[in-house]
Amino acid sequence: MPPKDPGPTTRKSYLTIHEVAQRFSVNATTVYRLVQRGKLPAFKIGNQWRFSETRLEQWVADRERMG
């Protein structure tokens, strides 16, 4: 019996550099630079960066509070 799919409500969603760039209306190079400087939460899988939607939302909320 195959493992049960956790479904969209419990599955974590991850974005690529290009998806993050599109979401924030910036160039992918800008996103890459922010990641390299440790200013944007991300992790690597092989040679590709991934971004947790939940962590990005928290990052934005933190920046909005800072003004």
C-alpha atoms as a PDB file:
ATOM      1  CA  MET A   1       0.000   0.000   0.000  1.00  0.00           C
ATOM      2  CA  PRO A   2       1.548   3.390  -1.007  1.00  0.00           C
ATOM      3  CA  PRO A   3       2.108   6.053   1.665  1.00  0.00           C
ATOM      4  CA  LYS A   4      -0.741   8.446   2.150  1.00  0.00           C
ATOM      5  CA  ASP A   5      -0.419  11.883   0.522  1.00  0.00           C
ATOM      6  CA  PRO A   6      -0.466  14.492   3.322  1.00  0.00           C
ATOM      7  CA  GLY A   7      -2.529  16.817   1.120  1.00  0.00           C
ATOM      8  CA  PRO A   8      -2.135  20.516   0.421  1.00  0.00           C
ATOM      9  CA  THR A   9      -3.048  21.651   3.925  1.00  0.00           C
ATOM     10  CA  THR A  10      -0.114  19.870   5.584  1.00  0.00           C
ATOM     11  CA  ARG A  11       2.416  19.760   2.747  1.00  0.00           C
ATOM     12  CA  LYS A  12       5.096  22.445   2.918  1.00  0.00           C
ATOM     13  CA  SER A  13       5.469  24.600  -0.137  1.00  0.00           C
ATOM     14  CA  TYR A  14       8.871  25.603  -1.447  1.00  0.00           C
ATOM     15  CA  LEU A  15       9.822  28.127  -4.115  1.00  0.00           C
ATOM     16  CA  THR A  16      12.747  28.495  -6.494  1.00  0.00           C
ATOM     17  CA  ILE A  17      14.862  31.633  -6.890  1.00  0.00           C
ATOM     18  CA  HIS A  18      12.883  32.566  -9.997  1.00  0.00           C
ATOM     19  CA  GLU A  19       9.534  32.120  -8.228  1.00  0.00           C
ATOM     20  CA  VAL A  20      10.694  34.305  -5.322  1.00  0.00           C
ATOM     21  CA  ALA A  21      11.974  36.933  -7.759  1.00  0.00           C
ATOM     22  CA  GLN A  22       8.635  36.956  -9.553  1.00  0.00           C
ATOM     23  CA  ARG A  23       6.694  37.164  -6.284  1.00  0.00           C
ATOM     24  CA  PHE A  24       8.677  40.220  -5.145  1.00  0.00           C
ATOM     25  CA  SER A  25       9.014  41.760  -8.633  1.00  0.00           C
ATOM     26  CA  VAL A  26      12.812  41.767  -8.553  1.00  0.00           C
ATOM     27  CA  ASN A  27      15.509  40.183 -10.672  1.00  0.00           C
ATOM     28  CA  ALA A  28      16.616  36.638  -9.809  1.00  0.00           C
ATOM     29  CA  THR A  29      20.158  38.004  -9.354  1.00  0.00           C
ATOM     30  CA  THR A  30      18.875  40.235  -6.535  1.00  0.00           C
ATOM     31  CA  VAL A  31      17.357  37.222  -4.772  1.00  0.00           C
ATOM     32  CA  TYR A  32      20.590  35.257  -5.220  1.00  0.00           C
ATOM     33  CA  ARG A  33      22.649  38.120  -3.735  1.00  0.00           C
ATOM     34  CA  LEU A  34      20.340  38.386  -0.709  1.00  0.00           C
ATOM     35  CA  VAL A  35      20.666  34.645  -0.129  1.00  0.00           C
ATOM     36  CA  GLN A  36      24.448  34.750  -0.455  1.00  0.00           C
ATOM     37  CA  ARG A  37      24.599  37.575   2.106  1.00  0.00           C
ATOM     38  CA  GLY A  38      22.395  35.622   4.534  1.00  0.00           C
ATOM     39  CA  LYS A  39      19.623  38.219   4.374  1.00  0.00           C
ATOM     40  CA  LEU A  40      16.928  35.952   2.915  1.00  0.00           C
ATOM     41  CA  PRO A  41      16.016  32.566   4.472  1.00  0.00           C
ATOM     42  CA  ALA A  42      16.789  29.709   2.070  1.00  0.00           C
ATOM     43  CA  PHE A  43      18.453  26.327   1.839  1.00  0.00           C
ATOM     44  CA  LYS A  44      20.200  24.388  -0.876  1.00  0.00           C
ATOM     45  CA  ILE A  45      19.215  21.085  -2.434  1.00  0.00           C
ATOM     46  CA  GLY A  46      22.144  20.032  -4.575  1.00  0.00           C
ATOM     47  CA  ASN A  47      23.094  23.196  -6.414  1.00  0.00           C
ATOM     48  CA  GLN A  48      19.634  24.776  -6.310  1.00  0.00           C
ATOM     49  CA  TRP A  49      18.208  27.158  -3.730  1.00  0.00           C
ATOM     50  CA  ARG A  50      14.774  26.590  -2.210  1.00  0.00           C
ATOM     51  CA  PHE A  51      12.645  28.919  -0.101  1.00  0.00           C
ATOM     52  CA  SER A  52       9.945  27.931   2.370  1.00  0.00           C
ATOM     53  CA  GLU A  53       6.807  29.980   1.734  1.00  0.00           C
ATOM     54  CA  THR A  54       6.125  30.030   5.473  1.00  0.00           C
ATOM     55  CA  ARG A  55       9.604  31.365   6.302  1.00  0.00           C
ATOM     56  CA  LEU A  56       9.386  33.962   3.516  1.00  0.00           C
ATOM     57  CA  GLU A  57       6.035  35.198   4.836  1.00  0.00           C
ATOM     58  CA  GLN A  58       7.563  35.500   8.324  1.00  0.00           C
ATOM     59  CA  TRP A  59      10.605  37.300   6.877  1.00  0.00           C
ATOM     60  CA  VAL A  60       8.315  39.828   5.154  1.00  0.00           C
ATOM     61  CA  ALA A  61       6.242  40.325   8.318  1.00  0.00           C
ATOM     62  CA  ASP A  62       9.415  40.951  10.335  1.00  0.00           C
ATOM     63  CA  ARG A  63      10.589  43.551   7.773  1.00  0.00           C
ATOM     64  CA  GLU A  64       7.184  45.276   7.803  1.00  0.00           C
ATOM     65  CA  ARG A  65       7.339  45.591  11.595  1.00  0.00           C
ATOM     66  CA  MET A  66      10.813  47.143  11.361  1.00  0.00           C
ATOM     67  CA  GLY A  67       9.504  49.801   9.007  1.00  0.00           C
END
